[in-house]
C-alpha atoms as a PDB file:
ATOM      1  CA  MET A   1      82.239 101.360  76.983  1.00  0.00           C
ATOM      2  CA  THR A   2      80.581 104.719  77.595  1.00  0.00           C
ATOM      3  CA  THR A   3      82.429 107.639  78.639  1.00  0.00           C
ATOM      4  CA  ILE A   4      81.062 110.350  81.445  1.00  0.00           C
ATOM      5  CA  THR A   5      81.908 113.671  80.680  1.00  0.00           C
ATOM      6  CA  ILE A   6      81.666 116.217  83.279  1.00  0.00           C
ATOM      7  CA  PRO A   7      80.584 120.195  82.507  1.00  0.00           C
ATOM      8  CA  LYS A   8      83.196 122.903  83.332  1.00  0.00           C
ATOM      9  CA  GLU A   9      80.469 124.485  86.012  1.00  0.00           C
ATOM     10  CA  GLN A  10      80.612 120.569  87.851  1.00  0.00           C
ATOM     11  CA  LYS A  11      84.874 120.631  87.287  1.00  0.00           C
ATOM     12  CA  GLY A  12      84.670 123.950  89.303  1.00  0.00           C
ATOM     13  CA  ALA A  13      83.141 122.916  92.300  1.00  0.00           C
ATOM     14  CA  LEU A  14      85.204 119.278  92.512  1.00  0.00           C
ATOM     15  CA  VAL A  15      88.307 120.882  93.101  1.00  0.00           C
ATOM     16  CA  PRO A  16      87.359 122.463  96.227  1.00  0.00           C
ATOM     17  CA  ILE A  17      86.196 119.141  97.362  1.00  0.00           C
ATOM     18  CA  LEU A  18      89.190 116.979  96.034  1.00  0.00           C
ATOM     19  CA  LYS A  19      91.609 119.729  98.168  1.00  0.00           C
ATOM     20  CA  GLU A  20      89.587 119.167 101.076  1.00  0.00           C
ATOM     21  CA  LEU A  21      89.738 114.899 100.620  1.00  0.00           C
ATOM     22  CA  LYS A  22      93.454 115.723 100.561  1.00  0.00           C
ATOM     23  CA  LYS A  23      93.732 117.453 104.001  1.00  0.00           C
ATOM     24  CA  VAL A  24      91.760 115.299 105.781  1.00  0.00           C
ATOM     25  CA  ASN A  25      93.814 111.813 103.554  1.00  0.00           C
ATOM     26  CA  ALA A  26      96.764 113.756 105.135  1.00  0.00           C
ATOM     27  CA  TYR A  27      95.723 114.215 108.887  1.00  0.00           C
ATOM     28  CA  LEU A  28      94.591 110.233 108.698  1.00  0.00           C
ATOM     29  CA  GLU A  29      97.575 109.400 107.823  1.00  0.00           C
ATOM     30  CA  LYS A  30      99.464 111.360 110.491  1.00  0.00           C
ATOM     31  CA  LEU A  31      96.984 109.576 112.913  1.00  0.00           C
ATOM     32  CA  LEU A  32      97.603 106.296 111.668  1.00  0.00           C
ATOM     33  CA  VAL A  33     101.128 106.476 112.642  1.00  0.00           C
ATOM     34  CA  ILE A  34     100.645 107.596 116.120  1.00  0.00           C
ATOM     35  CA  ILE A  35      97.748 104.385 117.069  1.00  0.00           C
ATOM     36  CA  PRO A  36      99.712 101.727 117.949  1.00  0.00           C
ATOM     37  CA  GLU A  37      99.143  98.400 116.251  1.00  0.00           C
ATOM     38  CA  GLU A  38      98.554  94.808 118.258  1.00  0.00           C
ATOM     39  CA  SER A  39      99.981  91.656 117.833  1.00  0.00           C
ATOM     40  CA  LEU A  40      98.376  88.488 118.483  1.00  0.00           C
ATOM     41  CA  LYS A  41     101.523  87.213 120.298  1.00  0.00           C
ATOM     42  CA  GLU A  42     100.357  89.933 123.227  1.00  0.00           C
ATOM     43  CA  TYR A  43      97.665  88.118 124.376  1.00  0.00           C
ATOM     44  CA  LYS A  44      97.094  84.601 126.465  1.00  0.00           C
ATOM     45  CA  SER A  45      95.787  82.261 124.071  1.00  0.00           C
ATOM     46  CA  PRO A  46      96.532  83.540 120.270  1.00  0.00           C
ATOM     47  CA  SER A  47      95.299  80.416 118.489  1.00  0.00           C
ATOM     48  CA  ARG A  48      91.552  80.654 120.297  1.00  0.00           C
ATOM     49  CA  ILE A  49      91.404  84.183 119.509  1.00  0.00           C
ATOM     50  CA  LYS A  50      92.080  83.656 115.950  1.00  0.00           C
ATOM     51  CA  ASN A  51      89.715  80.730 115.313  1.00  0.00           C
ATOM     52  CA  SER A  52      87.244  82.565 117.192  1.00  0.00           C
ATOM     53  CA  TYR A  53      87.596  85.150 114.464  1.00  0.00           C
ATOM     54  CA  LEU A  54      87.453  83.092 111.621  1.00  0.00           C
ATOM     55  CA  LYS A  55      84.231  81.639 112.894  1.00  0.00           C
ATOM     56  CA  THR A  56      82.810  84.513 113.513  1.00  0.00           C
ATOM     57  CA  ILE A  57      83.766  85.855 110.021  1.00  0.00           C
ATOM     58  CA  LYS A  58      82.126  83.016 108.422  1.00  0.00           C
ATOM     59  CA  ASP A  59      78.897  82.983 110.454  1.00  0.00           C
ATOM     60  CA  TYR A  60      78.739  86.677 110.040  1.00  0.00           C
ATOM     61  CA  PRO A  61      80.511  87.818 106.896  1.00  0.00           C
ATOM     62  CA  PRO A  62      81.021  91.678 106.561  1.00  0.00           C
ATOM     63  CA  GLU A  63      79.101  93.839 104.683  1.00  0.00           C
ATOM     64  CA  GLU A  64      80.542  95.845 101.586  1.00  0.00           C
END
């Protein structure tokens, strides 16, 4: 297993980036709190929706 070392100059550049990412993460968490979650029970035919979703995922798998 190889270990990647980062020079001190690059570490200094990564610290502000890490701080900004932490701020963005905090804002995202606050945003996700106010977004309502939906439930399939609220719809007229939840079983059809679920089956359609599963079929679509099988036909068109999400790209990673």
